[in-house]
PDB file of N, CA and C in Angstrom:
ATOM      1  N   UNK A   1      19.312 -33.090  -9.333  1.00  0.00           N
ATOM      2  CA  UNK A   1      19.849 -32.153 -10.286  1.00  0.00           C
ATOM      3  C   UNK A   1      20.724 -32.461 -10.493  1.00  0.00           C
ATOM      4  N   UNK A   2      21.426 -31.462 -11.194  1.00  0.00           N
ATOM      5  CA  UNK A   2      22.893 -32.378 -12.463  1.00  0.00           C
ATOM      6  C   UNK A   2      24.238 -30.909 -11.580  1.00  0.00           C
ATOM      7  N   UNK A   3      25.247 -31.674 -11.675  1.00  0.00           N
ATOM      8  CA  UNK A   3      26.540 -31.533 -11.009  1.00  0.00           C
ATOM      9  C   UNK A   3      26.447 -29.869 -11.503  1.00  0.00           C
ATOM     10  N   UNK A   4      26.262 -29.423 -12.604  1.00  0.00           N
ATOM     11  CA  UNK A   4      27.047 -28.406 -13.443  1.00  0.00           C
ATOM     12  C   UNK A   4      26.023 -27.670 -13.100  1.00  0.00           C
ATOM     13  N   UNK A   5      24.277 -27.758 -12.516  1.00  0.00           N
ATOM     14  CA  UNK A   5      23.598 -26.554 -12.026  1.00  0.00           C
ATOM     15  C   UNK A   5      23.695 -26.221 -10.460  1.00  0.00           C
ATOM     16  N   UNK A   6      24.344 -27.693  -9.668  1.00  0.00           N
ATOM     17  CA  UNK A   6      24.354 -27.379  -8.560  1.00  0.00           C
ATOM     18  C   UNK A   6      25.504 -26.337  -8.118  1.00  0.00           C
ATOM     19  N   UNK A   7      26.286 -26.432  -9.207  1.00  0.00           N
ATOM     20  CA  UNK A   7      27.770 -25.966  -9.273  1.00  0.00           C
ATOM     21  C   UNK A   7      27.719 -24.034  -9.130  1.00  0.00           C
ATOM     22  N   UNK A   8      26.988 -24.360  -9.918  1.00  0.00           N
ATOM     23  CA  UNK A   8      26.231 -22.530 -10.737  1.00  0.00           C
ATOM     24  C   UNK A   8      25.936 -21.907  -9.352  1.00  0.00           C
ATOM     25  N   UNK A   9      24.551 -22.684  -8.867  1.00  0.00           N
ATOM     26  CA  UNK A   9      23.858 -22.333  -7.631  1.00  0.00           C
ATOM     27  C   UNK A   9      25.178 -22.308  -5.925  1.00  0.00           C
ATOM     28  N   UNK A  10      25.849 -23.332  -6.112  1.00  0.00           N
ATOM     29  CA  UNK A  10      27.009 -23.147  -5.113  1.00  0.00           C
ATOM     30  C   UNK A  10      27.361 -21.903  -4.956  1.00  0.00           C
ATOM     31  N   UNK A  11      28.068 -21.750  -5.916  1.00  0.00           N
ATOM     32  CA  UNK A  11      28.988 -20.310  -6.460  1.00  0.00           C
ATOM     33  C   UNK A  11      28.164 -19.089  -6.048  1.00  0.00           C
ATOM     34  N   UNK A  12      26.859 -18.913  -7.037  1.00  0.00           N
ATOM     35  CA  UNK A  12      26.097 -17.940  -6.830  1.00  0.00           C
ATOM     36  C   UNK A  12      25.538 -17.624  -5.433  1.00  0.00           C
ATOM     37  N   UNK A  13      25.091 -18.949  -4.435  1.00  0.00           N
ATOM     38  CA  UNK A  13      24.956 -19.076  -3.107  1.00  0.00           C
ATOM     39  C   UNK A  13      26.011 -17.826  -1.800  1.00  0.00           C
ATOM     40  N   UNK A  14      27.125 -18.575  -2.585  1.00  0.00           N
ATOM     41  CA  UNK A  14      28.811 -18.236  -1.431  1.00  0.00           C
ATOM     42  C   UNK A  14      28.607 -16.844  -2.462  1.00  0.00           C
ATOM     43  N   UNK A  15      28.461 -16.119  -2.970  1.00  0.00           N
ATOM     44  CA  UNK A  15      28.467 -14.899  -3.729  1.00  0.00           C
ATOM     45  C   UNK A  15      27.414 -13.916  -2.811  1.00  0.00           C
ATOM     46  N   UNK A  16      26.859 -14.506  -2.775  1.00  0.00           N
ATOM     47  CA  UNK A  16      24.723 -13.557  -2.309  1.00  0.00           C
ATOM     48  C   UNK A  16      25.291 -13.360  -1.372  1.00  0.00           C
ATOM     49  N   UNK A  17      25.072 -15.049  -0.135  1.00  0.00           N
ATOM     50  CA  UNK A  17      24.850 -14.639   1.122  1.00  0.00           C
ATOM     51  C   UNK A  17      26.521 -14.399   1.370  1.00  0.00           C
ATOM     52  N   UNK A  18      26.458 -12.974   2.034  1.00  0.00           N
ATOM     53  CA  UNK A  18      27.852 -12.416   3.050  1.00  0.00           C
ATOM     54  C   UNK A  18      27.775 -12.486   3.849  1.00  0.00           C
ATOM     55  N   UNK A  19      26.697 -12.762   4.674  1.00  0.00           N
ATOM     56  CA  UNK A  19      27.235 -13.331   5.750  1.00  0.00           C
ATOM     57  C   UNK A  19      27.662 -14.024   7.089  1.00  0.00           C
ATOM     58  N   UNK A  20      28.220 -14.031   7.946  1.00  0.00           N
ATOM     59  CA  UNK A  20      28.795 -15.434   8.673  1.00  0.00           C
ATOM     60  C   UNK A  20      27.444 -16.091   9.188  1.00  0.00           C
ATOM     61  N   UNK A  21      27.923 -17.019   9.532  1.00  0.00           N
ATOM     62  CA  UNK A  21      26.608 -17.650  10.643  1.00  0.00           C
ATOM     63  C   UNK A  21      26.627 -17.430  11.479  1.00  0.00           C
ATOM     64  N   UNK A  22      27.818 -17.062  12.449  1.00  0.00           N
ATOM     65  CA  UNK A  22      27.624 -16.022  13.389  1.00  0.00           C
ATOM     66  C   UNK A  22      27.050 -14.677  13.881  1.00  0.00           C
ATOM     67  N   UNK A  23      27.315 -13.613  12.520  1.00  0.00           N
ATOM     68  CA  UNK A  23      26.424 -12.843  12.539  1.00  0.00           C
ATOM     69  C   UNK A  23      25.192 -12.991  11.707  1.00  0.00           C
ATOM     70  N   UNK A  24      24.708 -13.879  11.116  1.00  0.00           N
ATOM     71  CA  UNK A  24      23.727 -14.066  11.088  1.00  0.00           C
ATOM     72  C   UNK A  24      22.475 -14.808  12.062  1.00  0.00           C
ATOM     73  N   UNK A  25      23.228 -15.513  12.763  1.00  0.00           N
ATOM     74  CA  UNK A  25      22.228 -15.657  14.255  1.00  0.00           C
ATOM     75  C   UNK A  25      21.748 -14.822  14.606  1.00  0.00           C
ATOM     76  N   UNK A  26      23.051 -13.871  15.365  1.00  0.00           N
ATOM     77  CA  UNK A  26      22.646 -12.568  16.103  1.00  0.00           C
ATOM     78  C   UNK A  26      21.319 -11.571  15.312  1.00  0.00           C
ATOM     79  N   UNK A  27      21.773 -11.521  14.416  1.00  0.00           N
ATOM     80  CA  UNK A  27      20.703 -10.883  13.394  1.00  0.00           C
ATOM     81  C   UNK A  27      19.095 -11.244  13.458  1.00  0.00           C
ATOM     82  N   UNK A  28      19.359 -12.713  13.515  1.00  0.00           N
ATOM     83  CA  UNK A  28      18.091 -13.411  13.182  1.00  0.00           C
ATOM     84  C   UNK A  28      17.839 -13.246  15.152  1.00  0.00           C
ATOM     85  N   UNK A  29      18.199 -12.360  15.655  1.00  0.00           N
ATOM     86  CA  UNK A  29      17.614 -12.864  17.395  1.00  0.00           C
ATOM     87  C   UNK A  29      16.711 -11.146  17.321  1.00  0.00           C
ATOM     88  N   UNK A  30      17.218 -10.452  16.674  1.00  0.00           N
ATOM     89  CA  UNK A  30      16.880  -8.922  16.444  1.00  0.00           C
ATOM     90  C   UNK A  30      15.293  -8.590  16.551  1.00  0.00           C
ATOM     91  N   UNK A  31      14.738  -7.601  17.230  1.00  0.00           N
ATOM     92  CA  UNK A  31      13.428  -7.467  16.904  1.00  0.00           C
ATOM     93  C   UNK A  31      13.457  -6.288  15.478  1.00  0.00           C
ATOM     94  N   UNK A  32      14.060  -6.123  15.073  1.00  0.00           N
ATOM     95  CA  UNK A  32      14.264  -5.625  13.170  1.00  0.00           C
ATOM     96  C   UNK A  32      14.329  -6.901  12.303  1.00  0.00           C
ATOM     97  N   UNK A  33      14.588  -7.682  12.648  1.00  0.00           N
ATOM     98  CA  UNK A  33      14.652  -8.751  11.674  1.00  0.00           C
ATOM     99  C   UNK A  33      13.183  -9.870  12.115  1.00  0.00           C
ATOM    100  N   UNK A  34      12.710  -9.422  13.151  1.00  0.00           N
ATOM    101  CA  UNK A  34      11.542 -10.278  13.383  1.00  0.00           C
ATOM    102  C   UNK A  34      10.456  -9.628  12.784  1.00  0.00           C
ATOM    103  N   UNK A  35      10.759  -7.938  12.794  1.00  0.00           N
ATOM    104  CA  UNK A  35       9.291  -7.603  12.147  1.00  0.00           C
ATOM    105  C   UNK A  35       9.270  -7.157  10.298  1.00  0.00           C
ATOM    106  N   UNK A  36      10.149  -7.667   9.637  1.00  0.00           N
ATOM    107  CA  UNK A  36       9.796  -7.833   8.541  1.00  0.00           C
ATOM    108  C   UNK A  36       9.384  -9.035   7.698  1.00  0.00           C
ATOM    109  N   UNK A  37       8.479  -8.669   6.279  1.00  0.00           N
ATOM    110  CA  UNK A  37       8.887 -10.534   5.762  1.00  0.00           C
ATOM    111  C   UNK A  37       6.956 -10.725   6.067  1.00  0.00           C
ATOM    112  N   UNK A  38       6.409 -11.753   4.296  1.00  0.00           N
ATOM    113  CA  UNK A  38       5.521 -12.437   4.593  1.00  0.00           C
ATOM    114  C   UNK A  38       5.494 -13.787   5.320  1.00  0.00           C
ATOM    115  N   UNK A  39       4.357 -13.901   6.637  1.00  0.00           N
ATOM    116  CA  UNK A  39       4.469 -14.057   7.375  1.00  0.00           C
ATOM    117  C   UNK A  39       3.457 -15.717   6.516  1.00  0.00           C
ATOM    118  N   UNK A  40       3.528 -16.672   7.319  1.00  0.00           N
ATOM    119  CA  UNK A  40       3.326 -18.470   6.292  1.00  0.00           C
ATOM    120  C   UNK A  40       2.180 -18.478   7.493  1.00  0.00           C
ATOM    121  N   UNK A  41       1.548 -17.948   8.820  1.00  0.00           N
ATOM    122  CA  UNK A  41       0.332 -18.867   9.721  1.00  0.00           C
ATOM    123  C   UNK A  41       1.306 -19.008  10.835  1.00  0.00           C
ATOM    124  N   UNK A  42       2.550 -19.170  11.023  1.00  0.00           N
ATOM    125  CA  UNK A  42       3.159 -19.610  12.291  1.00  0.00           C
ATOM    126  C   UNK A  42       3.059 -18.598  13.065  1.00  0.00           C
ATOM    127  N   UNK A  43       3.695 -17.345  12.702  1.00  0.00           N
ATOM    128  CA  UNK A  43       4.360 -16.465  12.962  1.00  0.00           C
ATOM    129  C   UNK A  43       5.675 -15.974  12.990  1.00  0.00           C
ATOM    130  N   UNK A  44       6.529 -16.974  12.034  1.00  0.00           N
ATOM    131  CA  UNK A  44       7.489 -16.330  11.914  1.00  0.00           C
ATOM    132  C   UNK A  44       7.316 -16.339  10.434  1.00  0.00           C
ATOM    133  N   UNK A  45       8.200 -15.319   9.944  1.00  0.00           N
ATOM    134  CA  UNK A  45       8.587 -14.852   8.388  1.00  0.00           C
ATOM    135  C   UNK A  45       8.768 -16.276   7.781  1.00  0.00           C
ATOM    136  N   UNK A  46       8.681 -16.407   5.877  1.00  0.00           N
ATOM    137  CA  UNK A  46       9.493 -16.646   5.592  1.00  0.00           C
ATOM    138  C   UNK A  46      10.645 -16.273   5.540  1.00  0.00           C
ATOM    139  N   UNK A  47      10.917 -15.120   5.450  1.00  0.00           N
ATOM    140  CA  UNK A  47      12.762 -14.671   5.417  1.00  0.00           C
ATOM    141  C   UNK A  47      13.170 -15.290   6.612  1.00  0.00           C
ATOM    142  N   UNK A  48      12.730 -15.179   7.976  1.00  0.00           N
ATOM    143  CA  UNK A  48      13.180 -15.590   9.114  1.00  0.00           C
ATOM    144  C   UNK A  48      13.397 -17.022   9.034  1.00  0.00           C
ATOM    145  N   UNK A  49      12.578 -17.853   8.301  1.00  0.00           N
ATOM    146  CA  UNK A  49      13.250 -19.370   8.487  1.00  0.00           C
ATOM    147  C   UNK A  49      13.837 -19.344   7.327  1.00  0.00           C
ATOM    148  N   UNK A  50      13.806 -18.645   6.418  1.00  0.00           N
ATOM    149  CA  UNK A  50      15.240 -18.730   5.750  1.00  0.00           C
ATOM    150  C   UNK A  50      16.561 -18.282   5.794  1.00  0.00           C
ATOM    151  N   UNK A  51      16.507 -17.583   6.737  1.00  0.00           N
ATOM    152  CA  UNK A  51      17.633 -17.353   7.374  1.00  0.00           C
ATOM    153  C   UNK A  51      18.654 -18.404   8.260  1.00  0.00           C
ATOM    154  N   UNK A  52      17.127 -19.448   8.782  1.00  0.00           N
ATOM    155  CA  UNK A  52      17.895 -20.392   9.513  1.00  0.00           C
ATOM    156  C   UNK A  52      18.192 -21.461   9.433  1.00  0.00           C
ATOM    157  N   UNK A  53      17.719 -21.590   8.092  1.00  0.00           N
ATOM    158  CA  UNK A  53      18.272 -22.739   6.823  1.00  0.00           C
ATOM    159  C   UNK A  53      19.569 -22.315   5.990  1.00  0.00           C
ATOM    160  N   UNK A  54      19.941 -21.366   6.060  1.00  0.00           N
ATOM    161  CA  UNK A  54      20.766 -20.773   5.163  1.00  0.00           C
ATOM    162  C   UNK A  54      22.495 -20.516   6.632  1.00  0.00           C
ATOM    163  N   UNK A  55      21.997 -20.309   7.617  1.00  0.00           N
ATOM    164  CA  UNK A  55      22.649 -21.427   8.652  1.00  0.00           C
ATOM    165  C   UNK A  55      23.009 -21.961   8.528  1.00  0.00           C
ATOM    166  N   UNK A  56      22.336 -23.269   9.028  1.00  0.00           N
ATOM    167  CA  UNK A  56      22.396 -24.853   8.506  1.00  0.00           C
ATOM    168  C   UNK A  56      22.995 -24.808   7.133  1.00  0.00           C
ATOM    169  N   UNK A  57      22.773 -24.448   6.276  1.00  0.00           N
ATOM    170  CA  UNK A  57      23.441 -24.683   5.071  1.00  0.00           C
ATOM    171  C   UNK A  57      25.246 -24.115   5.414  1.00  0.00           C
ATOM    172  N   UNK A  58      25.551 -22.995   5.446  1.00  0.00           N
ATOM    173  CA  UNK A  58      26.826 -22.973   5.688  1.00  0.00           C
ATOM    174  C   UNK A  58      27.206 -23.487   6.262  1.00  0.00           C
ATOM    175  N   UNK A  59      26.623 -23.734   7.148  1.00  0.00           N
ATOM    176  CA  UNK A  59      27.532 -25.198   8.415  1.00  0.00           C
ATOM    177  C   UNK A  59      27.827 -25.941   7.593  1.00  0.00           C
ATOM    178  N   UNK A  60      27.170 -26.566   6.699  1.00  0.00           N
ATOM    179  CA  UNK A  60      27.541 -27.602   6.147  1.00  0.00           C
ATOM    180  C   UNK A  60      29.050 -27.755   5.040  1.00  0.00           C
ATOM    181  N   UNK A  61      29.514 -28.992   4.919  1.00  0.00           N
ATOM    182  CA  UNK A  61      30.670 -29.136   4.332  1.00  0.00           C
ATOM    183  C   UNK A  61      29.743 -29.107   2.728  1.00  0.00           C
ATOM    184  N   UNK A  62      30.572 -28.623   1.766  1.00  0.00           N
ATOM    185  CA  UNK A  62      30.053 -28.855   0.161  1.00  0.00           C
ATOM    186  C   UNK A  62      29.310 -30.098  -0.004  1.00  0.00           C
ATOM    187  N   UNK A  63      29.873 -31.531   0.411  1.00  0.00           N
ATOM    188  CA  UNK A  63      30.147 -32.872  -0.151  1.00  0.00           C
ATOM    189  C   UNK A  63      29.054 -32.818   0.463  1.00  0.00           C
ATOM    190  N   UNK A  64      28.428 -32.580   1.992  1.00  0.00           N
ATOM    191  CA  UNK A  64      26.758 -32.561   2.819  1.00  0.00           C
ATOM    192  C   UNK A  64      25.968 -32.132   2.218  1.00  0.00           C
ATOM    193  N   UNK A  65      25.627 -31.200   1.257  1.00  0.00           N
ATOM    194  CA  UNK A  65      25.179 -30.848   0.747  1.00  0.00           C
ATOM    195  C   UNK A  65      24.047 -31.758  -0.031  1.00  0.00           C
ATOM    196  N   UNK A  66      22.318 -31.230   0.575  1.00  0.00           N
ATOM    197  CA  UNK A  66      21.623 -32.251   0.083  1.00  0.00           C
ATOM    198  C   UNK A  66      20.585 -31.381  -1.032  1.00  0.00           C
ATOM    199  N   UNK A  67      19.649 -32.073  -1.752  1.00  0.00           N
ATOM    200  CA  UNK A  67      18.924 -31.891  -3.132  1.00  0.00           C
ATOM    201  C   UNK A  67      18.251 -30.786  -2.786  1.00  0.00           C
ATOM    202  N   UNK A  68      17.672 -30.764  -1.035  1.00  0.00           N
ATOM    203  CA  UNK A  68      16.908 -29.816  -0.543  1.00  0.00           C
ATOM    204  C   UNK A  68      17.779 -28.174  -0.222  1.00  0.00           C
ATOM    205  N   UNK A  69      18.530 -28.293   0.257  1.00  0.00           N
ATOM    206  CA  UNK A  69      19.614 -27.559   0.427  1.00  0.00           C
ATOM    207  C   UNK A  69      20.173 -26.373  -1.012  1.00  0.00           C
ATOM    208  N   UNK A  70      20.293 -27.406  -1.880  1.00  0.00           N
ATOM    209  CA  UNK A  70      20.537 -26.712  -3.180  1.00  0.00           C
ATOM    210  C   UNK A  70      19.427 -25.746  -3.842  1.00  0.00           C
ATOM    211  N   UNK A  71      18.194 -26.575  -3.524  1.00  0.00           N
ATOM    212  CA  UNK A  71      17.162 -25.899  -3.877  1.00  0.00           C
ATOM    213  C   UNK A  71      16.963 -24.490  -3.072  1.00  0.00           C
ATOM    214  N   UNK A  72      16.968 -25.218  -1.996  1.00  0.00           N
ATOM    215  CA  UNK A  72      16.777 -23.760  -0.855  1.00  0.00           C
ATOM    216  C   UNK A  72      17.838 -22.719  -1.122  1.00  0.00           C
ATOM    217  N   UNK A  73      19.125 -22.691  -1.660  1.00  0.00           N
ATOM    218  CA  UNK A  73      20.326 -22.357  -1.928  1.00  0.00           C
ATOM    219  C   UNK A  73      20.180 -21.143  -3.387  1.00  0.00           C
ATOM    220  N   UNK A  74      19.204 -22.054  -4.072  1.00  0.00           N
ATOM    221  CA  UNK A  74      18.988 -21.602  -5.405  1.00  0.00           C
ATOM    222  C   UNK A  74      17.714 -20.830  -5.230  1.00  0.00           C
ATOM    223  N   UNK A  75      16.217 -20.965  -3.852  1.00  0.00           N
ATOM    224  CA  UNK A  75      15.805 -19.538  -4.006  1.00  0.00           C
ATOM    225  C   UNK A  75      16.478 -18.322  -3.402  1.00  0.00           C
ATOM    226  N   UNK A  76      17.015 -18.591  -2.370  1.00  0.00           N
ATOM    227  CA  UNK A  76      18.247 -17.669  -2.352  1.00  0.00           C
ATOM    228  C   UNK A  76      18.408 -16.683  -3.274  1.00  0.00           C
ATOM    229  N   UNK A  77      19.319 -17.341  -4.092  1.00  0.00           N
ATOM    230  CA  UNK A  77      19.804 -16.663  -4.966  1.00  0.00           C
ATOM    231  C   UNK A  77      18.932 -15.918  -5.932  1.00  0.00           C
ATOM    232  N   UNK A  78      17.667 -16.178  -6.166  1.00  0.00           N
ATOM    233  CA  UNK A  78      16.749 -15.617  -7.104  1.00  0.00           C
ATOM    234  C   UNK A  78      16.143 -14.005  -6.065  1.00  0.00           C
ATOM    235  N   UNK A  79      15.585 -14.667  -4.393  1.00  0.00           N
ATOM    236  CA  UNK A  79      15.763 -13.600  -3.814  1.00  0.00           C
ATOM    237  C   UNK A  79      16.212 -12.559  -3.378  1.00  0.00           C
ATOM    238  N   UNK A  80      17.955 -12.493  -3.371  1.00  0.00           N
ATOM    239  CA  UNK A  80      18.613 -11.659  -3.042  1.00  0.00           C
ATOM    240  C   UNK A  80      19.509 -10.760  -4.349  1.00  0.00           C
ATOM    241  N   UNK A  81      19.295 -11.486  -5.251  1.00  0.00           N
ATOM    242  CA  UNK A  81      19.094 -11.053  -6.971  1.00  0.00           C
ATOM    243  C   UNK A  81      17.629 -10.041  -6.553  1.00  0.00           C
ATOM    244  N   UNK A  82      16.494 -10.470  -7.141  1.00  0.00           N
ATOM    245  CA  UNK A  82      15.830 -10.194  -6.955  1.00  0.00           C
ATOM    246  C   UNK A  82      15.666  -8.659  -6.236  1.00  0.00           C
ATOM    247  N   UNK A  83      15.804  -8.660  -4.983  1.00  0.00           N
ATOM    248  CA  UNK A  83      15.722  -7.766  -3.260  1.00  0.00           C
ATOM    249  C   UNK A  83      16.592  -6.641  -3.758  1.00  0.00           C
ATOM    250  N   UNK A  84      17.913  -6.972  -4.829  1.00  0.00           N
ATOM    251  CA  UNK A  84      18.927  -6.176  -4.653  1.00  0.00           C
ATOM    252  C   UNK A  84      18.348  -4.797  -5.952  1.00  0.00           C
ATOM    253  N   UNK A  85      17.280  -5.409  -6.741  1.00  0.00           N
ATOM    254  CA  UNK A  85      17.110  -4.854  -7.744  1.00  0.00           C
ATOM    255  C   UNK A  85      15.774  -3.883  -7.382  1.00  0.00           C
ATOM    256  N   UNK A  86      15.542  -3.576  -6.559  1.00  0.00           N
ATOM    257  CA  UNK A  86      14.574  -3.123  -6.095  1.00  0.00           C
ATOM    258  C   UNK A  86      15.314  -2.191  -4.641  1.00  0.00           C
ATOM    259  N   UNK A  87      16.263  -1.688  -4.596  1.00  0.00           N
ATOM    260  CA  UNK A  87      16.641  -0.715  -3.648  1.00  0.00           C
ATOM    261  C   UNK A  87      16.004   0.435  -3.467  1.00  0.00           C
ATOM    262  N   UNK A  88      15.597   0.804  -2.338  1.00  0.00           N
ATOM    263  CA  UNK A  88      15.370   2.442  -2.502  1.00  0.00           C
ATOM    264  C   UNK A  88      16.286   3.221  -1.779  1.00  0.00           C
ATOM    265  N   UNK A  89      15.562   4.499  -2.542  1.00  0.00           N
ATOM    266  CA  UNK A  89      16.590   5.342  -2.077  1.00  0.00           C
ATOM    267  C   UNK A  89      17.821   5.837  -0.705  1.00  0.00           C
ATOM    268  N   UNK A  90      16.883   5.533  -0.078  1.00  0.00           N
ATOM    269  CA  UNK A  90      17.356   5.587   1.480  1.00  0.00           C
ATOM    270  C   UNK A  90      17.912   4.027   2.348  1.00  0.00           C
ATOM    271  N   UNK A  91      17.926   3.464   1.913  1.00  0.00           N
ATOM    272  CA  UNK A  91      18.768   1.774   2.191  1.00  0.00           C
ATOM    273  C   UNK A  91      18.257   1.356   3.655  1.00  0.00           C
ATOM    274  N   UNK A  92      19.372   2.053   4.288  1.00  0.00           N
ATOM    275  CA  UNK A  92      19.752   1.766   5.597  1.00  0.00           C
ATOM    276  C   UNK A  92      18.978   1.852   6.601  1.00  0.00           C
ATOM    277  N   UNK A  93      18.970   0.921   7.412  1.00  0.00           N
ATOM    278  CA  UNK A  93      17.559   0.765   8.287  1.00  0.00           C
ATOM    279  C   UNK A  93      16.005   0.616   8.150  1.00  0.00           C
ATOM    280  N   UNK A  94      16.067   0.813   6.746  1.00  0.00           N
ATOM    281  CA  UNK A  94      14.566   0.213   6.236  1.00  0.00           C
ATOM    282  C   UNK A  94      14.489  -1.658   6.272  1.00  0.00           C
ATOM    283  N   UNK A  95      12.619  -1.439   6.240  1.00  0.00           N
ATOM    284  CA  UNK A  95      12.963  -2.540   5.951  1.00  0.00           C
ATOM    285  C   UNK A  95      13.307  -3.746   5.096  1.00  0.00           C
ATOM    286  N   UNK A  96      13.782  -2.834   4.028  1.00  0.00           N
ATOM    287  CA  UNK A  96      14.041  -3.670   2.556  1.00  0.00           C
ATOM    288  C   UNK A  96      15.874  -4.350   3.259  1.00  0.00           C
ATOM    289  N   UNK A  97      16.260  -3.013   3.664  1.00  0.00           N
ATOM    290  CA  UNK A  97      17.374  -3.755   4.444  1.00  0.00           C
ATOM    291  C   UNK A  97      17.536  -5.188   5.744  1.00  0.00           C
ATOM    292  N   UNK A  98      16.638  -5.034   6.330  1.00  0.00           N
ATOM    293  CA  UNK A  98      16.003  -5.744   7.495  1.00  0.00           C
ATOM    294  C   UNK A  98      15.580  -7.384   6.575  1.00  0.00           C
ATOM    295  N   UNK A  99      14.788  -7.381   5.264  1.00  0.00           N
ATOM    296  CA  UNK A  99      14.586  -8.414   4.884  1.00  0.00           C
ATOM    297  C   UNK A  99      15.548  -8.737   4.081  1.00  0.00           C
ATOM    298  N   UNK A 100      16.593  -8.150   3.506  1.00  0.00           N
ATOM    299  CA  UNK A 100      17.580  -9.043   2.851  1.00  0.00           C
ATOM    300  C   UNK A 100      18.853  -9.400   4.086  1.00  0.00           C
ATOM    301  N   UNK A 101      18.887  -8.861   4.767  1.00  0.00           N
ATOM    302  CA  UNK A 101      19.779  -9.549   6.193  1.00  0.00           C
ATOM    303  C   UNK A 101      18.694 -10.541   6.215  1.00  0.00           C
ATOM    304  N   UNK A 102      17.507 -11.026   6.444  1.00  0.00           N
ATOM    305  CA  UNK A 102      17.277 -12.388   7.389  1.00  0.00           C
ATOM    306  C   UNK A 102      17.594 -13.031   5.742  1.00  0.00           C
ATOM    307  N   UNK A 103      17.464 -12.651   4.923  1.00  0.00           N
ATOM    308  CA  UNK A 103      18.096 -14.045   3.945  1.00  0.00           C
ATOM    309  C   UNK A 103      19.183 -13.751   3.911  1.00  0.00           C
ATOM    310  N   UNK A 104      20.623 -13.294   4.560  1.00  0.00           N
ATOM    311  CA  UNK A 104      21.878 -13.816   5.109  1.00  0.00           C
ATOM    312  C   UNK A 104      22.675 -12.475   4.041  1.00  0.00           C
ATOM    313  N   UNK A 105      22.254 -11.675   3.609  1.00  0.00           N
ATOM    314  CA  UNK A 105      22.851 -10.266   2.698  1.00  0.00           C
ATOM    315  C   UNK A 105      22.731  -9.285   3.366  1.00  0.00           C
ATOM    316  N   UNK A 106      23.966  -8.966   3.401  1.00  0.00           N
ATOM    317  CA  UNK A 106      24.672  -7.351   3.852  1.00  0.00           C
ATOM    318  C   UNK A 106      24.565  -6.184   2.585  1.00  0.00           C
ATOM    319  N   UNK A 107      23.429  -5.438   2.204  1.00  0.00           N
ATOM    320  CA  UNK A 107      24.370  -5.048   1.710  1.00  0.00           C
ATOM    321  C   UNK A 107      24.967  -3.779   1.407  1.00  0.00           C
ATOM    322  N   UNK A 108      25.940  -3.252   2.733  1.00  0.00           N
ATOM    323  CA  UNK A 108      26.327  -2.474   2.793  1.00  0.00           C
ATOM    324  C   UNK A 108      27.610  -3.448   3.207  1.00  0.00           C
ATOM    325  N   UNK A 109      27.597  -4.518   3.146  1.00  0.00           N
ATOM    326  CA  UNK A 109      28.966  -4.655   3.337  1.00  0.00           C
ATOM    327  C   UNK A 109      29.447  -5.660   1.976  1.00  0.00           C
ATOM    328  N   UNK A 110      28.586  -5.492   1.026  1.00  0.00           N
ATOM    329  CA  UNK A 110      29.086  -5.827  -0.791  1.00  0.00           C
ATOM    330  C   UNK A 110      29.264  -4.641  -1.338  1.00  0.00           C
TER     331      UNK A 110
END
């Protein structure tokens, strides 16, 4: 992946992921977090797994990010943008809200 593309992904990720590692870790432990998303067959939703990967990425220095990290960051950017475009009339405490938080974005903080 070329450097310009990595920089674009990095900036987007840091704009869209607005939860700290600590707040995301705390969120992922809740029943609400575990109650939403598409399941991949192992009992954990794709979004929940994504949240765990996001925590790992956020804790790294930029120079430590791998190609796999950038690919996941790109996936997160796309998911958050698509999900935000589908905002329901009453988003607070909805499955929409919970799913978005699993991907590191707290819409009420943006």
